[in-house]
Amino acid sequence: MITIGYRLNERFWATGIATKTVKAMTDYLFNDIGINRIQAFVMPENIKSQNVLQRNCFVKEGIIRQGYVWKGKGVVDLILYSFLKSDTTK
């Protein structure tokens, strides 16, 4: 299992870069490294990042309430998304 994260400068939002990069990462991690589970944590208000994960077949597993101390934001909830290698054959 591995946890991924990403950050993209605002001027490049809505260009498809994040979606394509996550696709390349998942392909590499599943096919070249042999990872079985990829997961990502997203703050609930970060809809754009949630959309990136959903476009890449990640499944929303649930909310981790007050699960992280985020610099400048304090204690925040996180949404857990995952993608399993077996999901690629569905």
PDB file of N, CA and C in Angstrom:
ATOM      1  N   MET A   1       0.840  -1.169   0.000  1.00  0.00           N
ATOM      2  CA  MET A   1       0.000   0.000   0.000  1.00  0.00           C
ATOM      3  C   MET A   1       0.888   1.237   0.000  1.00  0.00           C
ATOM      4  N   ILE A   2       0.375   2.265  -0.656  1.00  0.00           N
ATOM      5  CA  ILE A   2       1.097   3.534  -0.698  1.00  0.00           C
ATOM      6  C   ILE A   2       0.071   4.670  -0.676  1.00  0.00           C
ATOM      7  N   THR A   3       0.466   5.774  -0.063  1.00  0.00           N
ATOM      8  CA  THR A   3      -0.370   6.972  -0.037  1.00  0.00           C
ATOM      9  C   THR A   3       0.249   7.997  -0.975  1.00  0.00           C
ATOM     10  N   ILE A   4      -0.577   8.543  -1.860  1.00  0.00           N
ATOM     11  CA  ILE A   4      -0.098   9.573  -2.778  1.00  0.00           C
ATOM     12  C   ILE A   4      -0.667  10.930  -2.383  1.00  0.00           C
ATOM     13  N   GLY A   5       0.017  11.959  -2.829  1.00  0.00           N
ATOM     14  CA  GLY A   5      -0.446  13.320  -2.663  1.00  0.00           C
ATOM     15  C   GLY A   5       0.140  14.162  -3.782  1.00  0.00           C
ATOM     16  N   TYR A   6      -0.454  15.296  -4.009  1.00  0.00           N
ATOM     17  CA  TYR A   6       0.028  16.160  -5.087  1.00  0.00           C
ATOM     18  C   TYR A   6      -0.396  17.590  -4.798  1.00  0.00           C
ATOM     19  N   ARG A   7       0.347  18.518  -5.361  1.00  0.00           N
ATOM     20  CA  ARG A   7       0.050  19.946  -5.247  1.00  0.00           C
ATOM     21  C   ARG A   7       0.381  20.569  -6.583  1.00  0.00           C
ATOM     22  N   LEU A   8      -0.506  21.411  -7.069  1.00  0.00           N
ATOM     23  CA  LEU A   8      -0.323  22.025  -8.378  1.00  0.00           C
ATOM     24  C   LEU A   8      -0.572  23.526  -8.264  1.00  0.00           C
ATOM     25  N   ASN A   9       0.312  24.314  -8.831  1.00  0.00           N
ATOM     26  CA  ASN A   9       0.160  25.757  -8.840  1.00  0.00           C
ATOM     27  C   ASN A   9      -1.189  26.128  -9.462  1.00  0.00           C
ATOM     28  N   GLU A  10      -1.880  27.081  -8.852  1.00  0.00           N
ATOM     29  CA  GLU A  10      -3.228  27.469  -9.293  1.00  0.00           C
ATOM     30  C   GLU A  10      -3.317  27.843 -10.764  1.00  0.00           C
ATOM     31  N   ARG A  11      -2.269  28.407 -11.315  1.00  0.00           N
ATOM     32  CA  ARG A  11      -2.355  28.832 -12.726  1.00  0.00           C
ATOM     33  C   ARG A  11      -2.465  27.646 -13.682  1.00  0.00           C
ATOM     34  N   PHE A  12      -2.207  26.422 -13.178  1.00  0.00           N
ATOM     35  CA  PHE A  12      -2.308  25.230 -14.006  1.00  0.00           C
ATOM     36  C   PHE A  12      -3.548  24.385 -13.698  1.00  0.00           C
ATOM     37  N   TRP A  13      -4.417  24.886 -12.802  1.00  0.00           N
ATOM     38  CA  TRP A  13      -5.654  24.168 -12.495  1.00  0.00           C
ATOM     39  C   TRP A  13      -6.536  24.124 -13.742  1.00  0.00           C
ATOM     40  N   ALA A  14      -7.356  23.091 -13.827  1.00  0.00           N
ATOM     41  CA  ALA A  14      -8.325  22.912 -14.914  1.00  0.00           C
ATOM     42  C   ALA A  14      -7.657  22.729 -16.277  1.00  0.00           C
ATOM     43  N   THR A  15      -6.442  22.194 -16.274  1.00  0.00           N
ATOM     44  CA  THR A  15      -5.742  21.931 -17.535  1.00  0.00           C
ATOM     45  C   THR A  15      -5.605  20.438 -17.824  1.00  0.00           C
ATOM     46  N   GLY A  16      -5.985  19.603 -16.845  1.00  0.00           N
ATOM     47  CA  GLY A  16      -5.854  18.160 -17.015  1.00  0.00           C
ATOM     48  C   GLY A  16      -4.526  17.598 -16.531  1.00  0.00           C
ATOM     49  N   ILE A  17      -3.625  18.467 -16.093  1.00  0.00           N
ATOM     50  CA  ILE A  17      -2.302  18.004 -15.660  1.00  0.00           C
ATOM     51  C   ILE A  17      -2.409  17.054 -14.478  1.00  0.00           C
ATOM     52  N   ALA A  18      -3.184  17.427 -13.456  1.00  0.00           N
ATOM     53  CA  ALA A  18      -3.302  16.582 -12.256  1.00  0.00           C
ATOM     54  C   ALA A  18      -3.920  15.233 -12.603  1.00  0.00           C
ATOM     55  N   THR A  19      -4.962  15.231 -13.406  1.00  0.00           N
ATOM     56  CA  THR A  19      -5.626  13.980 -13.781  1.00  0.00           C
ATOM     57  C   THR A  19      -4.671  13.062 -14.544  1.00  0.00           C
ATOM     58  N   LYS A  20      -3.941  13.619 -15.496  1.00  0.00           N
ATOM     59  CA  LYS A  20      -2.994  12.818 -16.275  1.00  0.00           C
ATOM     60  C   LYS A  20      -1.835  12.320 -15.419  1.00  0.00           C
ATOM     61  N   THR A  21      -1.381  13.147 -14.484  1.00  0.00           N
ATOM     62  CA  THR A  21      -0.269  12.761 -13.616  1.00  0.00           C
ATOM     63  C   THR A  21      -0.677  11.643 -12.669  1.00  0.00           C
ATOM     64  N   VAL A  22      -1.869  11.737 -12.083  1.00  0.00           N
ATOM     65  CA  VAL A  22      -2.351  10.673 -11.196  1.00  0.00           C
ATOM     66  C   VAL A  22      -2.522   9.384 -11.986  1.00  0.00           C
ATOM     67  N   LYS A  23      -2.996   9.458 -13.209  1.00  0.00           N
ATOM     68  CA  LYS A  23      -3.130   8.266 -14.055  1.00  0.00           C
ATOM     69  C   LYS A  23      -1.762   7.627 -14.291  1.00  0.00           C
ATOM     70  N   ALA A  24      -0.774   8.441 -14.625  1.00  0.00           N
ATOM     71  CA  ALA A  24       0.578   7.920 -14.851  1.00  0.00           C
ATOM     72  C   ALA A  24       1.149   7.304 -13.573  1.00  0.00           C
ATOM     73  N   MET A  25       0.904   7.965 -12.429  1.00  0.00           N
ATOM     74  CA  MET A  25       1.391   7.423 -11.154  1.00  0.00           C
ATOM     75  C   MET A  25       0.744   6.079 -10.836  1.00  0.00           C
ATOM     76  N   THR A  26      -0.579   5.983 -11.010  1.00  0.00           N
ATOM     77  CA  THR A  26      -1.249   4.726 -10.673  1.00  0.00           C
ATOM     78  C   THR A  26      -0.794   3.608 -11.604  1.00  0.00           C
ATOM     79  N   ASP A  27      -0.659   3.894 -12.877  1.00  0.00           N
ATOM     80  CA  ASP A  27      -0.173   2.877 -13.824  1.00  0.00           C
ATOM     81  C   ASP A  27       1.212   2.380 -13.411  1.00  0.00           C
ATOM     82  N   TYR A  28       2.094   3.312 -13.091  1.00  0.00           N
ATOM     83  CA  TYR A  28       3.457   2.962 -12.687  1.00  0.00           C
ATOM     84  C   TYR A  28       3.458   2.149 -11.388  1.00  0.00           C
ATOM     85  N   LEU A  29       2.718   2.603 -10.407  1.00  0.00           N
ATOM     86  CA  LEU A  29       2.710   1.925  -9.112  1.00  0.00           C
ATOM     87  C   LEU A  29       2.119   0.524  -9.200  1.00  0.00           C
ATOM     88  N   PHE A  30       1.058   0.354  -9.973  1.00  0.00           N
ATOM     89  CA  PHE A  30       0.448  -0.972 -10.126  1.00  0.00           C
ATOM     90  C   PHE A  30       1.302  -1.893 -11.001  1.00  0.00           C
ATOM     91  N   ASN A  31       1.733  -1.398 -12.145  1.00  0.00           N
ATOM     92  CA  ASN A  31       2.344  -2.262 -13.155  1.00  0.00           C
ATOM     93  C   ASN A  31       3.855  -2.445 -13.012  1.00  0.00           C
ATOM     94  N   ASP A  32       4.553  -1.418 -12.562  1.00  0.00           N
ATOM     95  CA  ASP A  32       6.010  -1.505 -12.475  1.00  0.00           C
ATOM     96  C   ASP A  32       6.508  -1.813 -11.059  1.00  0.00           C
ATOM     97  N   ILE A  33       5.846  -1.268 -10.071  1.00  0.00           N
ATOM     98  CA  ILE A  33       6.283  -1.449  -8.688  1.00  0.00           C
ATOM     99  C   ILE A  33       5.577  -2.633  -8.019  1.00  0.00           C
ATOM    100  N   GLY A  34       4.362  -2.927  -8.448  1.00  0.00           N
ATOM    101  CA  GLY A  34       3.625  -4.056  -7.871  1.00  0.00           C
ATOM    102  C   GLY A  34       2.796  -3.699  -6.650  1.00  0.00           C
ATOM    103  N   ILE A  35       2.455  -2.442  -6.504  1.00  0.00           N
ATOM    104  CA  ILE A  35       1.606  -2.003  -5.397  1.00  0.00           C
ATOM    105  C   ILE A  35       0.195  -2.561  -5.595  1.00  0.00           C
ATOM    106  N   ASN A  36      -0.461  -2.917  -4.505  1.00  0.00           N
ATOM    107  CA  ASN A  36      -1.830  -3.427  -4.573  1.00  0.00           C
ATOM    108  C   ASN A  36      -2.876  -2.356  -4.262  1.00  0.00           C
ATOM    109  N   ARG A  37      -2.560  -1.433  -3.345  1.00  0.00           N
ATOM    110  CA  ARG A  37      -3.524  -0.413  -2.924  1.00  0.00           C
ATOM    111  C   ARG A  37      -2.855   0.954  -2.949  1.00  0.00           C
ATOM    112  N   ILE A  38      -3.553   1.913  -3.569  1.00  0.00           N
ATOM    113  CA  ILE A  38      -3.109   3.310  -3.568  1.00  0.00           C
ATOM    114  C   ILE A  38      -4.205   4.102  -2.867  1.00  0.00           C
ATOM    115  N   GLN A  39      -3.796   4.952  -1.945  1.00  0.00           N
ATOM    116  CA  GLN A  39      -4.793   5.757  -1.246  1.00  0.00           C
ATOM    117  C   GLN A  39      -4.374   7.212  -1.246  1.00  0.00           C
ATOM    118  N   ALA A  40      -5.366   8.082  -1.022  1.00  0.00           N
ATOM    119  CA  ALA A  40      -5.125   9.523  -0.961  1.00  0.00           C
ATOM    120  C   ALA A  40      -6.096  10.130   0.032  1.00  0.00           C
ATOM    121  N   PHE A  41      -5.648  11.168   0.722  1.00  0.00           N
ATOM    122  CA  PHE A  41      -6.474  11.901   1.669  1.00  0.00           C
ATOM    123  C   PHE A  41      -6.722  13.297   1.121  1.00  0.00           C
ATOM    124  N   VAL A  42      -7.976  13.759   1.207  1.00  0.00           N
ATOM    125  CA  VAL A  42      -8.351  15.056   0.656  1.00  0.00           C
ATOM    126  C   VAL A  42      -9.250  15.776   1.660  1.00  0.00           C
ATOM    127  N   MET A  43      -9.031  17.070   1.836  1.00  0.00           N
ATOM    128  CA  MET A  43      -9.937  17.847   2.677  1.00  0.00           C
ATOM    129  C   MET A  43     -11.291  17.958   1.975  1.00  0.00           C
ATOM    130  N   PRO A  44     -12.392  17.882   2.729  1.00  0.00           N
ATOM    131  CA  PRO A  44     -13.729  17.876   2.115  1.00  0.00           C
ATOM    132  C   PRO A  44     -14.015  19.058   1.193  1.00  0.00           C
ATOM    133  N   GLU A  45     -13.455  20.223   1.482  1.00  0.00           N
ATOM    134  CA  GLU A  45     -13.733  21.384   0.628  1.00  0.00           C
ATOM    135  C   GLU A  45     -12.919  21.401  -0.669  1.00  0.00           C
ATOM    136  N   ASN A  46     -11.990  20.472  -0.818  1.00  0.00           N
ATOM    137  CA  ASN A  46     -11.145  20.436  -2.018  1.00  0.00           C
ATOM    138  C   ASN A  46     -11.814  19.585  -3.108  1.00  0.00           C
ATOM    139  N   ILE A  47     -12.840  20.143  -3.694  1.00  0.00           N
ATOM    140  CA  ILE A  47     -13.650  19.437  -4.702  1.00  0.00           C
ATOM    141  C   ILE A  47     -12.824  19.105  -5.937  1.00  0.00           C
ATOM    142  N   LYS A  48     -11.965  20.027  -6.366  1.00  0.00           N
ATOM    143  CA  LYS A  48     -11.169  19.777  -7.575  1.00  0.00           C
ATOM    144  C   LYS A  48     -10.283  18.546  -7.408  1.00  0.00           C
ATOM    145  N   SER A  49      -9.671  18.384  -6.241  1.00  0.00           N
ATOM    146  CA  SER A  49      -8.822  17.221  -6.008  1.00  0.00           C
ATOM    147  C   SER A  49      -9.654  15.942  -5.922  1.00  0.00           C
ATOM    148  N   GLN A  50     -10.825  16.036  -5.324  1.00  0.00           N
ATOM    149  CA  GLN A  50     -11.716  14.881  -5.293  1.00  0.00           C
ATOM    150  C   GLN A  50     -12.090  14.452  -6.716  1.00  0.00           C
ATOM    151  N   ASN A  51     -12.346  15.433  -7.573  1.00  0.00           N
ATOM    152  CA  ASN A  51     -12.687  15.136  -8.966  1.00  0.00           C
ATOM    153  C   ASN A  51     -11.533  14.445  -9.689  1.00  0.00           C
ATOM    154  N   VAL A  52     -10.307  14.888  -9.418  1.00  0.00           N
ATOM    155  CA  VAL A  52      -9.126  14.255 -10.023  1.00  0.00           C
ATOM    156  C   VAL A  52      -9.092  12.775  -9.654  1.00  0.00           C
ATOM    157  N   LEU A  53      -9.282  12.478  -8.379  1.00  0.00           N
ATOM    158  CA  LEU A  53      -9.246  11.086  -7.924  1.00  0.00           C
ATOM    159  C   LEU A  53     -10.399  10.277  -8.511  1.00  0.00           C
ATOM    160  N   GLN A  54     -11.590  10.837  -8.528  1.00  0.00           N
ATOM    161  CA  GLN A  54     -12.742  10.127  -9.077  1.00  0.00           C
ATOM    162  C   GLN A  54     -12.575   9.842 -10.569  1.00  0.00           C
ATOM    163  N   ARG A  55     -11.993  10.792 -11.302  1.00  0.00           N
ATOM    164  CA  ARG A  55     -11.747  10.560 -12.738  1.00  0.00           C
ATOM    165  C   ARG A  55     -10.738   9.438 -12.953  1.00  0.00           C
ATOM    166  N   ASN A  56      -9.948   9.148 -11.920  1.00  0.00           N
ATOM    167  CA  ASN A  56      -8.955   8.082 -11.998  1.00  0.00           C
ATOM    168  C   ASN A  56      -9.398   6.818 -11.269  1.00  0.00           C
ATOM    169  N   CYS A  57     -10.705   6.654 -11.088  1.00  0.00           N
ATOM    170  CA  CYS A  57     -11.309   5.432 -10.549  1.00  0.00           C
ATOM    171  C   CYS A  57     -11.071   5.207  -9.058  1.00  0.00           C
ATOM    172  N   PHE A  58     -10.647   6.219  -8.329  1.00  0.00           N
ATOM    173  CA  PHE A  58     -10.516   6.084  -6.886  1.00  0.00           C
ATOM    174  C   PHE A  58     -11.909   6.049  -6.269  1.00  0.00           C
ATOM    175  N   VAL A  59     -12.059   5.278  -5.205  1.00  0.00           N
ATOM    176  CA  VAL A  59     -13.329   5.095  -4.515  1.00  0.00           C
ATOM    177  C   VAL A  59     -13.282   5.831  -3.178  1.00  0.00           C
ATOM    178  N   LYS A  60     -14.325   6.591  -2.908  1.00  0.00           N
ATOM    179  CA  LYS A  60     -14.420   7.279  -1.628  1.00  0.00           C
ATOM    180  C   LYS A  60     -14.777   6.251  -0.556  1.00  0.00           C
ATOM    181  N   GLU A  61     -13.896   6.094   0.434  1.00  0.00           N
ATOM    182  CA  GLU A  61     -14.130   5.124   1.496  1.00  0.00           C
ATOM    183  C   GLU A  61     -14.822   5.744   2.700  1.00  0.00           C
ATOM    184  N   GLY A  62     -14.590   7.008   2.961  1.00  0.00           N
ATOM    185  CA  GLY A  62     -15.223   7.642   4.112  1.00  0.00           C
ATOM    186  C   GLY A  62     -14.465   8.854   4.593  1.00  0.00           C
ATOM    187  N   ILE A  63     -14.963   9.418   5.693  1.00  0.00           N
ATOM    188  CA  ILE A  63     -14.365  10.617   6.265  1.00  0.00           C
ATOM    189  C   ILE A  63     -13.643  10.247   7.554  1.00  0.00           C
ATOM    190  N   ILE A  64     -12.447  10.721   7.676  1.00  0.00           N
ATOM    191  CA  ILE A  64     -11.676  10.579   8.902  1.00  0.00           C
ATOM    192  C   ILE A  64     -11.852  11.899   9.647  1.00  0.00           C
ATOM    193  N   ARG A  65     -12.672  11.865  10.669  1.00  0.00           N
ATOM    194  CA  ARG A  65     -13.012  13.088  11.394  1.00  0.00           C
ATOM    195  C   ARG A  65     -11.838  13.560  12.231  1.00  0.00           C
ATOM    196  N   GLN A  66     -11.524  14.847  12.073  1.00  0.00           N
ATOM    197  CA  GLN A  66     -10.430  15.498  12.788  1.00  0.00           C
ATOM    198  C   GLN A  66      -9.165  14.639  12.738  1.00  0.00           C
ATOM    199  N   GLY A  67      -8.858  14.175  11.537  1.00  0.00           N
ATOM    200  CA  GLY A  67      -7.790  13.205  11.360  1.00  0.00           C
ATOM    201  C   GLY A  67      -6.403  13.747  11.108  1.00  0.00           C
ATOM    202  N   TYR A  68      -6.262  15.058  11.042  1.00  0.00           N
ATOM    203  CA  TYR A  68      -4.945  15.581  10.693  1.00  0.00           C
ATOM    204  C   TYR A  68      -4.831  17.029  11.167  1.00  0.00           C
ATOM    205  N   VAL A  69      -3.631  17.405  11.563  1.00  0.00           N
ATOM    206  CA  VAL A  69      -3.354  18.805  11.880  1.00  0.00           C
ATOM    207  C   VAL A  69      -2.682  19.406  10.652  1.00  0.00           C
ATOM    208  N   TRP A  70      -3.378  20.306   9.986  1.00  0.00           N
ATOM    209  CA  TRP A  70      -2.908  20.908   8.741  1.00  0.00           C
ATOM    210  C   TRP A  70      -2.373  22.294   9.052  1.00  0.00           C
ATOM    211  N   LYS A  71      -1.146  22.548   8.648  1.00  0.00           N
ATOM    212  CA  LYS A  71      -0.503  23.840   8.924  1.00  0.00           C
ATOM    213  C   LYS A  71      -1.380  24.983   8.406  1.00  0.00           C
ATOM    214  N   GLY A  72      -1.685  25.917   9.273  1.00  0.00           N
ATOM    215  CA  GLY A  72      -2.483  27.076   8.894  1.00  0.00           C
ATOM    216  C   GLY A  72      -3.983  26.846   8.957  1.00  0.00           C
ATOM    217  N   LYS A  73      -4.410  25.591   9.135  1.00  0.00           N
ATOM    218  CA  LYS A  73      -5.843  25.294   9.176  1.00  0.00           C
ATOM    219  C   LYS A  73      -6.269  24.637  10.485  1.00  0.00           C
ATOM    220  N   GLY A  74      -5.325  24.118  11.230  1.00  0.00           N
ATOM    221  CA  GLY A  74      -5.654  23.434  12.479  1.00  0.00           C
ATOM    222  C   GLY A  74      -6.064  21.995  12.225  1.00  0.00           C
ATOM    223  N   VAL A  75      -6.888  21.462  13.107  1.00  0.00           N
ATOM    224  CA  VAL A  75      -7.343  20.082  12.986  1.00  0.00           C
ATOM    225  C   VAL A  75      -8.436  20.027  11.919  1.00  0.00           C
ATOM    226  N   VAL A  76      -8.271  19.133  10.940  1.00  0.00           N
ATOM    227  CA  VAL A  76      -9.210  19.055   9.812  1.00  0.00           C
ATOM    228  C   VAL A  76      -9.707  17.626   9.607  1.00  0.00           C
ATOM    229  N   ASP A  77     -10.884  17.535   9.003  1.00  0.00           N
ATOM    230  CA  ASP A  77     -11.391  16.253   8.530  1.00  0.00           C
ATOM    231  C   ASP A  77     -10.701  15.924   7.220  1.00  0.00           C
ATOM    232  N   LEU A  78     -10.609  14.639   6.908  1.00  0.00           N
ATOM    233  CA  LEU A  78     -10.046  14.190   5.637  1.00  0.00           C
ATOM    234  C   LEU A  78     -10.962  13.136   5.032  1.00  0.00           C
ATOM    235  N   ILE A  79     -11.090  13.164   3.724  1.00  0.00           N
ATOM    236  CA  ILE A  79     -11.792  12.102   3.010  1.00  0.00           C
ATOM    237  C   ILE A  79     -10.743  11.123   2.513  1.00  0.00           C
ATOM    238  N   LEU A  80     -10.985   9.853   2.754  1.00  0.00           N
ATOM    239  CA  LEU A  80     -10.074   8.797   2.308  1.00  0.00           C
ATOM    240  C   LEU A  80     -10.592   8.209   1.003  1.00  0.00           C
ATOM    241  N   TYR A  81      -9.735   8.229  -0.016  1.00  0.00           N
ATOM    242  CA  TYR A  81     -10.018   7.593  -1.303  1.00  0.00           C
ATOM    243  C   TYR A  81      -9.015   6.465  -1.499  1.00  0.00           C
ATOM    244  N   SER A  82      -9.444   5.408  -2.198  1.00  0.00           N
ATOM    245  CA  SER A  82      -8.512   4.323  -2.502  1.00  0.00           C
ATOM    246  C   SER A  82      -8.765   3.789  -3.904  1.00  0.00           C
ATOM    247  N   PHE A  83      -7.736   3.130  -4.416  1.00  0.00           N
ATOM    248  CA  PHE A  83      -7.796   2.478  -5.728  1.00  0.00           C
ATOM    249  C   PHE A  83      -7.009   1.186  -5.589  1.00  0.00           C
ATOM    250  N   LEU A  84      -7.649   0.060  -5.852  1.00  0.00           N
ATOM    251  CA  LEU A  84      -7.003  -1.245  -5.753  1.00  0.00           C
ATOM    252  C   LEU A  84      -6.621  -1.753  -7.131  1.00  0.00           C
ATOM    253  N   LYS A  85      -5.555  -2.504  -7.192  1.00  0.00           N
ATOM    254  CA  LYS A  85      -5.145  -3.076  -8.473  1.00  0.00           C
ATOM    255  C   LYS A  85      -6.282  -3.866  -9.095  1.00  0.00           C
ATOM    256  N   SER A  86      -7.048  -4.581  -8.267  1.00  0.00           N
ATOM    257  CA  SER A  86      -8.177  -5.365  -8.794  1.00  0.00           C
ATOM    258  C   SER A  86      -9.263  -4.474  -9.389  1.00  0.00           C
ATOM    259  N   ASP A  87      -9.312  -3.189  -9.011  1.00  0.00           N
ATOM    260  CA  ASP A  87     -10.285  -2.259  -9.591  1.00  0.00           C
ATOM    261  C   ASP A  87      -9.994  -1.996 -11.062  1.00  0.00           C
ATOM    262  N   THR A  88      -8.761  -2.231 -11.509  1.00  0.00           N
ATOM    263  CA  THR A  88      -8.400  -1.953 -12.889  1.00  0.00           C
ATOM    264  C   THR A  88      -8.992  -2.989 -13.843  1.00  0.00           C
ATOM    265  N   THR A  89      -9.441  -4.123 -13.311  1.00  0.00           N
ATOM    266  CA  THR A  89      -9.990  -5.178 -14.169  1.00  0.00           C
ATOM    267  C   THR A  89     -11.507  -5.165 -14.216  1.00  0.00           C
ATOM    268  N   LYS A  90     -12.116  -4.193 -13.541  1.00  0.00           N
ATOM    269  CA  LYS A  90     -13.586  -4.114 -13.503  1.00  0.00           C
ATOM    270  C   LYS A  90     -14.113  -3.353 -14.691  1.00  0.00           C
TER     271      LYS A  90
END
